[in-house]
Amino acid sequence: MSTLELRQIDDAGVLILPKALLEQLNAKPGDPLNYSFEDGKLILEQKRKLRKLPKYDLTELLPEHKQVMDCLEAEYQTWDEQKPKGTEML
């Protein structure tokens, strides 16, 4: 078992994690870590990172929307031109 030393900064005790331990946690300085205590042991876990969603620009989305709507309009027009073939409700 390895040992870590608590250091004092102002009124806080600070635990310095060696690079090898950070690599095992898949963490880097500044990353948030979750911690808990079980049976008198401190448990550290990497906090799950939320998936970053792509940022969309409205000027990029509108032309794509227009292309889709043009296809749908053509399909709607075809449906409107067809005569009922069964007991569809109009």
Protein backbone atom coordinates (compact mmCIF):
# COMPACT_ATOMS: atom_id res chain seq x y z
CA MET A 1 0.00 0.00 0.00
CA SER A 2 1.31 3.45 -0.93
CA THR A 3 1.12 6.47 1.34
CA LEU A 4 0.13 10.06 0.52
CA GLU A 5 0.89 13.07 2.69
CA LEU A 6 -1.67 15.71 3.66
CA ARG A 7 -0.34 19.23 3.26
CA GLN A 8 -1.63 22.42 4.84
CA ILE A 9 -2.73 25.36 2.70
CA ASP A 10 -4.35 28.10 4.78
CA ASP A 11 -6.92 26.30 6.95
CA ALA A 12 -7.39 23.38 4.55
CA GLY A 13 -5.66 20.05 4.36
CA VAL A 14 -4.67 19.25 0.78
CA LEU A 15 -4.00 15.80 -0.63
CA ILE A 16 -1.57 15.80 -3.54
CA LEU A 17 -2.28 13.01 -6.03
CA PRO A 18 0.73 11.77 -8.00
CA LYS A 19 0.59 11.73 -11.80
CA ALA A 20 0.35 7.91 -11.89
CA LEU A 21 -2.72 7.98 -9.63
CA LEU A 22 -4.34 10.69 -11.77
CA GLU A 23 -3.75 8.53 -14.84
CA GLN A 24 -5.45 5.57 -13.13
CA LEU A 25 -8.42 7.83 -12.36
CA ASN A 26 -8.33 9.09 -15.96
CA ALA A 27 -8.25 12.60 -14.50
CA LYS A 28 -6.14 15.70 -14.82
CA PRO A 29 -5.62 18.73 -12.58
CA GLY A 30 -8.82 20.74 -12.39
CA ASP A 31 -11.14 17.79 -13.08
CA PRO A 32 -13.90 17.24 -10.51
CA LEU A 33 -13.77 13.97 -8.58
CA ASN A 34 -16.56 12.27 -6.67
CA TYR A 35 -15.63 10.96 -3.24
CA SER A 36 -17.30 8.82 -0.63
CA PHE A 37 -16.39 6.96 2.54
CA GLU A 38 -16.95 3.22 2.89
CA ASP A 39 -15.80 1.23 5.92
CA GLY A 40 -13.44 4.03 6.95
CA LYS A 41 -11.89 4.26 3.48
CA LEU A 42 -11.87 7.27 1.20
CA ILE A 43 -13.12 6.32 -2.27
CA LEU A 44 -12.26 8.60 -5.22
CA GLU A 45 -13.99 8.24 -8.57
CA GLN A 46 -13.88 10.28 -11.72
CA LYS A 47 -16.99 12.40 -12.02
CA ARG A 48 -18.88 11.41 -15.16
CA LYS A 49 -18.48 14.02 -17.80
CA LEU A 50 -21.55 15.01 -19.73
CA ARG A 51 -21.34 14.55 -23.45
CA LYS A 52 -20.90 17.89 -25.14
CA LEU A 53 -23.53 18.49 -27.75
CA PRO A 54 -22.50 20.21 -30.95
CA LYS A 55 -23.31 23.88 -31.16
CA TYR A 56 -25.63 24.68 -34.01
CA ASP A 57 -25.91 27.92 -35.85
CA LEU A 58 -29.36 28.88 -37.10
CA THR A 59 -27.88 29.95 -40.44
CA GLU A 60 -26.64 26.35 -40.90
CA LEU A 61 -29.89 24.71 -39.82
CA LEU A 62 -32.33 26.73 -41.91
CA PRO A 63 -31.03 25.66 -45.34
CA GLU A 64 -31.10 22.00 -44.24
CA HIS A 65 -34.66 22.48 -42.94
CA LYS A 66 -35.66 24.05 -46.26
CA GLN A 67 -34.28 21.05 -48.20
CA VAL A 68 -36.27 18.64 -46.05
CA MET A 69 -39.42 20.73 -46.30
CA ASP A 70 -39.10 20.92 -50.12
CA CYS A 71 -39.04 17.11 -50.25
CA LEU A 72 -41.99 16.84 -47.87
CA GLU A 73 -44.01 19.43 -49.78
CA ALA A 74 -43.56 17.45 -52.98
CA GLU A 75 -44.71 14.30 -51.18
CA TYR A 76 -47.70 16.10 -49.63
CA GLN A 77 -48.65 17.42 -53.09
CA THR A 78 -48.59 13.86 -54.46
CA TRP A 79 -50.87 12.69 -51.65
CA ASP A 80 -53.27 15.58 -52.25
CA GLU A 81 -53.53 14.77 -55.96
CA GLN A 82 -54.43 11.11 -55.42
CA LYS A 83 -58.05 10.04 -55.23
CA PRO A 84 -59.25 8.10 -52.18
CA LYS A 85 -58.80 4.34 -52.64
CA GLY A 86 -60.71 3.03 -49.67
CA THR A 87 -62.63 4.41 -46.73
CA GLU A 88 -60.18 7.15 -45.84
CA MET A 89 -61.61 10.13 -44.05
CA LEU A 90 -61.02 13.47 -45.73
